[in-house]
Protein backbone atom coordinates (compact mmCIF):
# COMPACT_ATOMS: atom_id res chain seq x y z
CA MET A 1 -21.06 1.92 15.48
CA THR A 2 -22.96 3.67 12.72
CA THR A 3 -21.92 2.92 9.15
CA PHE A 4 -22.79 5.14 6.24
CA SER A 5 -23.54 3.92 2.73
CA PRO A 6 -21.65 5.62 -0.09
CA ARG A 7 -23.65 8.24 -1.98
CA ILE A 8 -23.45 8.35 -5.77
CA SER A 9 -25.20 10.39 -8.44
CA ALA A 10 -25.95 9.89 -12.12
CA SER A 11 -28.31 11.15 -14.79
CA SER A 12 -31.36 9.11 -15.70
CA TYR A 13 -30.73 9.05 -19.46
CA SER A 14 -30.98 5.63 -21.05
CA ASN A 15 -27.28 5.57 -21.93
CA THR A 16 -26.30 5.61 -18.25
CA ALA A 17 -28.57 2.68 -17.39
CA PRO A 18 -25.96 -0.11 -17.71
CA LEU A 19 -23.69 1.80 -15.30
CA VAL A 20 -26.35 2.18 -12.60
CA TRP A 21 -28.44 -1.00 -13.07
CA SER A 22 -26.47 -2.86 -10.39
CA PHE A 23 -27.28 -0.18 -7.81
CA LEU A 24 -30.97 -0.06 -8.67
CA TYR A 25 -31.72 -3.75 -9.24
CA GLY A 26 -28.57 -5.87 -8.97
CA GLN A 27 -25.94 -7.02 -6.52
CA ASN A 28 -25.26 -3.48 -5.27
CA HIS A 29 -28.90 -2.68 -4.56
CA GLY A 30 -29.20 -1.24 -1.06
CA LYS A 31 -25.43 -0.89 -0.65
CA VAL A 32 -25.32 2.73 -1.84
CA GLU A 33 -27.58 5.75 -1.82
CA ILE A 34 -28.07 6.74 -5.43
CA ILE A 35 -29.38 10.10 -6.62
CA MET A 36 -30.82 10.16 -10.14
CA ASP A 37 -31.55 13.33 -12.10
CA THR A 38 -32.43 14.11 -15.70
CA ALA A 39 -29.55 16.58 -16.08
CA PRO A 40 -25.92 15.40 -16.01
CA ALA A 41 -24.95 18.92 -14.91
CA ARG A 42 -26.84 18.34 -11.65
CA SER A 43 -24.56 15.42 -10.76
CA ALA A 44 -21.58 17.70 -11.37
CA GLU A 45 -23.03 20.21 -8.92
CA LEU A 46 -23.40 17.54 -6.23
CA LEU A 47 -19.80 16.45 -6.80
CA ALA A 48 -18.51 20.02 -6.65
CA GLU A 49 -20.38 20.54 -3.37
CA ASP A 50 -18.85 17.30 -1.99
CA ARG A 51 -22.31 15.89 -1.35
CA VAL A 52 -21.61 12.56 -3.05
CA ASP A 53 -18.74 10.09 -2.93
CA ALA A 54 -18.79 9.58 -6.68
CA ALA A 55 -20.78 10.97 -9.58
CA LEU A 56 -21.20 10.11 -13.24
CA VAL A 57 -20.65 13.52 -14.80
CA PRO A 58 -19.77 15.21 -18.10
CA VAL A 59 -15.99 14.99 -18.54
CA ILE A 60 -15.52 18.77 -18.75
CA ALA A 61 -16.30 18.81 -15.00
CA TYR A 62 -12.92 17.21 -14.37
CA GLN A 63 -11.24 20.45 -15.41
CA ARG A 64 -13.66 22.69 -13.51
CA ILE A 65 -14.00 21.00 -10.11
CA ALA A 66 -11.04 21.18 -7.75
CA GLY A 67 -9.60 17.98 -6.37
CA VAL A 68 -11.52 15.45 -8.44
CA ARG A 69 -10.14 12.20 -9.82
CA LEU A 70 -11.40 10.05 -12.68
CA VAL A 71 -12.48 6.48 -12.07
CA PRO A 72 -10.42 4.57 -14.65
CA ASP A 73 -11.88 2.86 -17.72
CA VAL A 74 -15.61 3.23 -16.98
CA CYS A 75 -17.33 5.84 -19.16
CA VAL A 76 -20.17 6.83 -21.44
CA GLY A 77 -18.52 7.36 -24.79
CA ALA A 78 -18.64 6.58 -28.49
CA ARG A 79 -16.06 5.25 -30.89
CA GLU A 80 -17.79 6.47 -34.04
CA ARG A 81 -21.46 7.53 -33.78
CA VAL A 82 -23.38 8.36 -30.60
CA ARG A 83 -26.90 9.30 -31.86
CA SER A 84 -27.85 10.97 -28.57
CA VAL A 85 -25.70 14.13 -28.87
CA CYS A 86 -26.58 16.00 -32.05
CA LEU A 87 -26.64 19.36 -33.77
CA ILE A 88 -29.89 19.81 -35.68
CA THR A 89 -30.81 22.26 -38.43
CA LYS A 90 -33.79 22.71 -40.72
CA GLY A 91 -31.80 21.38 -43.64
CA SER A 92 -28.89 23.81 -43.45
CA GLU A 93 -25.22 22.94 -43.64
CA LEU A 94 -23.25 23.77 -40.49
CA ALA A 95 -21.19 26.25 -42.54
CA ASP A 96 -24.38 28.33 -42.96
CA VAL A 97 -25.27 28.37 -39.27
CA ARG A 98 -25.06 31.78 -37.59
CA SER A 99 -26.84 31.03 -34.30
CA VAL A 100 -27.04 27.95 -32.07
CA ALA A 101 -29.52 27.15 -29.29
CA LEU A 102 -27.73 25.10 -26.64
CA ASP A 103 -29.27 22.42 -24.44
CA VAL A 104 -27.08 23.07 -21.40
CA SER A 105 -27.92 19.79 -19.64
CA SER A 106 -24.38 18.61 -20.44
CA ARG A 107 -21.53 21.10 -20.28
CA THR A 108 -19.24 18.65 -22.12
CA SER A 109 -21.47 18.68 -25.20
CA VAL A 110 -21.75 22.48 -25.11
CA ALA A 111 -17.96 22.78 -25.02
CA LEU A 112 -17.63 20.20 -27.81
CA THR A 113 -20.07 22.17 -29.96
CA LYS A 114 -18.05 25.36 -29.48
CA ILE A 115 -14.80 23.52 -30.29
CA ILE A 116 -16.29 22.13 -33.51
CA PHE A 117 -17.26 25.61 -34.71
CA ARG A 118 -14.15 27.44 -33.50
CA GLU A 119 -11.45 24.89 -34.28
CA PHE A 120 -12.82 22.86 -37.18
CA LEU A 121 -15.34 25.08 -38.99
CA GLY A 122 -13.39 28.27 -38.31
CA PHE A 123 -16.10 30.65 -37.18
CA GLU A 124 -18.17 31.59 -34.14
CA PRO A 125 -21.98 31.65 -34.26
CA ASP A 126 -24.13 33.37 -31.66
CA TRP A 127 -24.92 31.14 -28.67
CA ALA A 128 -28.09 31.05 -26.58
CA GLU A 129 -29.18 28.66 -23.82
CA ALA A 130 -32.51 26.96 -24.37
CA ARG A 131 -34.80 24.30 -22.98
CA PRO A 132 -34.51 21.02 -24.94
CA ASP A 133 -37.51 21.50 -27.23
CA ILE A 134 -36.41 21.24 -30.84
CA GLN A 135 -39.28 23.18 -32.41
CA THR A 136 -38.88 26.10 -30.02
CA MET A 137 -35.10 26.04 -30.33
CA LEU A 138 -35.20 26.25 -34.11
CA THR A 139 -37.65 29.15 -34.14
CA THR A 140 -34.94 31.39 -32.67
CA ALA A 141 -31.72 29.77 -33.94
CA ASP A 142 -30.28 28.20 -37.10
CA ALA A 143 -29.13 25.09 -35.21
CA ALA A 144 -29.88 23.37 -31.94
CA LEU A 145 -27.73 21.19 -29.68
CA LEU A 146 -29.88 18.40 -28.30
CA ILE A 147 -28.61 15.67 -25.98
CA GLY A 148 -29.80 12.52 -24.28
CA ASP A 149 -33.02 10.67 -25.00
CA PRO A 150 -34.69 13.64 -26.82
CA SER A 151 -31.81 13.59 -29.30
CA LEU A 152 -31.92 9.81 -29.59
CA MET A 153 -35.63 9.83 -30.35
CA LEU A 154 -35.22 12.53 -32.98
CA SER A 155 -32.27 10.81 -34.66
CA SER A 156 -34.30 7.60 -34.85
CA THR A 157 -37.32 9.22 -36.50
CA SER A 158 -35.65 11.77 -38.76
CA ALA A 159 -36.07 9.94 -42.08
CA GLY A 160 -38.12 12.15 -44.34
CA SER A 161 -38.37 14.91 -41.75
CA GLU A 162 -37.51 18.58 -42.19
CA TYR A 163 -34.48 18.27 -39.92
CA ARG A 164 -30.86 17.61 -40.75
CA ILE A 165 -28.97 15.89 -37.95
CA PHE A 166 -25.23 16.10 -37.32
CA ASP A 167 -23.94 13.53 -34.83
CA LEU A 168 -21.27 15.18 -32.62
CA ALA A 169 -19.27 11.98 -32.16
CA GLU A 170 -19.21 11.52 -35.95
CA LEU A 171 -18.07 15.11 -36.43
CA TRP A 172 -15.34 14.67 -33.82
CA ARG A 173 -14.21 11.43 -35.45
CA HIS A 174 -14.21 13.09 -38.89
CA TYR A 175 -11.99 15.95 -37.80
CA THR A 176 -9.69 14.16 -35.32
CA GLY A 177 -9.78 10.44 -36.09
CA PHE A 178 -10.51 9.70 -32.41
CA GLY A 179 -13.39 8.40 -30.34
CA PHE A 180 -15.01 10.62 -27.74
CA VAL A 181 -15.69 10.31 -24.01
CA PHE A 182 -18.80 12.18 -22.88
CA ALA A 183 -19.01 11.25 -19.21
CA MET A 184 -17.05 9.39 -16.52
CA TRP A 185 -17.39 8.50 -12.89
CA MET A 186 -15.43 10.98 -10.76
CA SER A 187 -14.70 11.33 -7.07
CA ARG A 188 -13.02 13.75 -4.70
CA ARG A 189 -11.76 10.75 -2.70
CA PRO A 190 -8.39 9.05 -3.36
CA SER A 191 -10.31 5.81 -3.86
CA VAL A 192 -13.94 4.75 -4.19
CA ALA A 193 -15.31 1.96 -2.00
CA ILE A 194 -17.43 0.66 -4.87
CA ASP A 195 -16.29 -1.47 -7.80
CA LEU A 196 -17.80 0.64 -10.56
CA ALA A 197 -16.26 -1.49 -13.31
CA ALA A 198 -17.90 -4.63 -11.88
CA ALA A 199 -21.18 -2.73 -11.62
CA ARG A 200 -20.85 -1.78 -15.30
CA ASP A 201 -20.23 -5.39 -16.26
CA GLU A 202 -23.30 -6.56 -14.34
CA GLY A 203 -25.40 -3.91 -16.05
CA LEU A 204 -24.17 -4.89 -19.50
CA ALA A 205 -25.04 -8.51 -18.71
CA HIS A 206 -28.64 -7.32 -18.32
CA VAL A 207 -28.75 -5.10 -21.39
CA ASP A 208 -31.77 -6.98 -22.80
CA GLU A 209 -33.81 -6.04 -19.73
CA ILE A 210 -32.56 -2.46 -19.87
CA ALA A 211 -33.43 -2.15 -23.56
CA ALA A 212 -36.93 -3.48 -22.90
CA ASN A 213 -37.43 -1.03 -20.02
CA TYR A 214 -36.39 2.01 -22.07
CA ALA A 215 -37.95 1.03 -25.40
CA SER A 216 -41.36 2.47 -24.53
CA ASP A 217 -39.92 5.59 -22.89
CA THR A 218 -37.82 6.51 -25.91
CA GLY A 219 -40.19 5.34 -28.62
CA LEU A 220 -37.56 2.95 -29.98
CA GLY A 221 -38.14 -0.74 -30.41
CA ARG A 222 -36.35 -3.09 -28.02
CA ASP A 223 -33.90 -4.30 -30.68
CA GLU A 224 -33.01 -0.76 -31.75
CA MET A 225 -32.58 0.27 -28.13
CA LYS A 226 -30.23 -2.66 -27.58
CA ARG A 227 -28.22 -1.71 -30.68
CA TYR A 228 -27.87 1.83 -29.36
CA LEU A 229 -26.61 0.63 -25.97
CA THR A 230 -24.23 -1.97 -27.38
CA GLU A 231 -23.10 -0.53 -30.73
CA ASN A 232 -23.28 3.26 -30.36
CA ILE A 233 -22.36 3.67 -26.70
CA SER A 234 -19.03 2.42 -25.34
CA TYR A 235 -18.73 1.90 -21.60
CA SER A 236 -14.98 1.26 -21.62
CA ILE A 237 -12.20 3.56 -22.83
CA ASP A 238 -9.97 2.30 -25.64
CA ASP A 239 -6.78 3.99 -26.84
CA SER A 240 -8.62 6.11 -29.44
CA MET A 241 -11.05 7.41 -26.83
CA GLN A 242 -8.24 8.14 -24.36
CA LYS A 243 -6.40 10.19 -26.99
CA GLY A 244 -9.67 11.88 -27.90
CA LEU A 245 -10.22 12.87 -24.27
CA GLU A 246 -6.75 14.37 -24.00
CA LEU A 247 -7.19 16.29 -27.28
CA TYR A 248 -10.60 17.52 -26.18
CA PHE A 249 -9.09 19.01 -23.02
CA ASP A 250 -6.25 20.56 -25.06
CA LEU A 251 -8.70 22.22 -27.46
CA ALA A 252 -11.04 23.29 -24.66
CA HIS A 253 -8.12 25.07 -22.99
CA LYS A 254 -6.99 26.60 -26.29
CA SER A 255 -10.52 27.89 -26.89
CA GLY A 256 -10.79 29.43 -23.43
CA LEU A 257 -13.48 26.99 -22.28
CA ILE A 258 -11.44 25.83 -19.29
CA ALA A 259 -9.02 27.91 -17.23
CA GLN A 260 -6.38 25.19 -17.05
CA ASN A 261 -5.71 21.76 -18.49
CA LYS A 262 -5.04 19.48 -15.53
CA PRO A 263 -3.19 16.22 -16.21
CA LEU A 264 -5.39 13.16 -15.87
CA ALA A 265 -5.44 11.74 -12.32
CA PHE A 266 -7.31 8.57 -11.39
CA THR A 267 -8.71 7.07 -8.24
CA GLY A 268 -6.41 4.39 -6.88
CA ASP A 269 -3.26 6.11 -8.19
């Protein structure tokens, strides 16, 4: 009798590393087929096409993909400051921004950017999709949305630079008082035959190794990389983040960014 290993997908950004370490190097190595990609939106495509059993995807995908469920508690989020999802200007205030270049690698961050301008700042700039190159982005736009490791590297080296950096999790916290959930594991199955919470815990137990591995790739020192993974990123959802997720979906629906606001449904329910 042939048995098939579960297939999962996730982005290869450093902030996902504790969630996938177990599958690449730990107790779950060889037990699943894992697909890694630089763009979180790619994992959402695989989930929508039912080509994976579970995927770590931007949370906006929950509202856009039929029949998906959230895996409870496990996430990539931030309680206060995220550092790796930022709006960047050449010194301008956001109130003076009239055009924004969008790194579309994460649809959640694009929607969050539009919510911040529409709901909190009260105006709508011009939007344009762009490759994540900050110099090119800011030659054609007043502000740029940059996510993932490129944003993290820029936020870590911005002292004395020409750029002004606005952390999206900080902006969300300022206007709402809540934390923010950027990505979660999702599945189109009623349950997932993988303990993703246990995998997270194993990864976090090896955060020193993960920080050392990514330090050279991101240009951060090992200690700063560890602080980012343990102090900026939250891999579990607290009450503030849960309320932030629900408000985010409410505002996304109000702003016409999602066609409907589905109630939260979880695997194992």
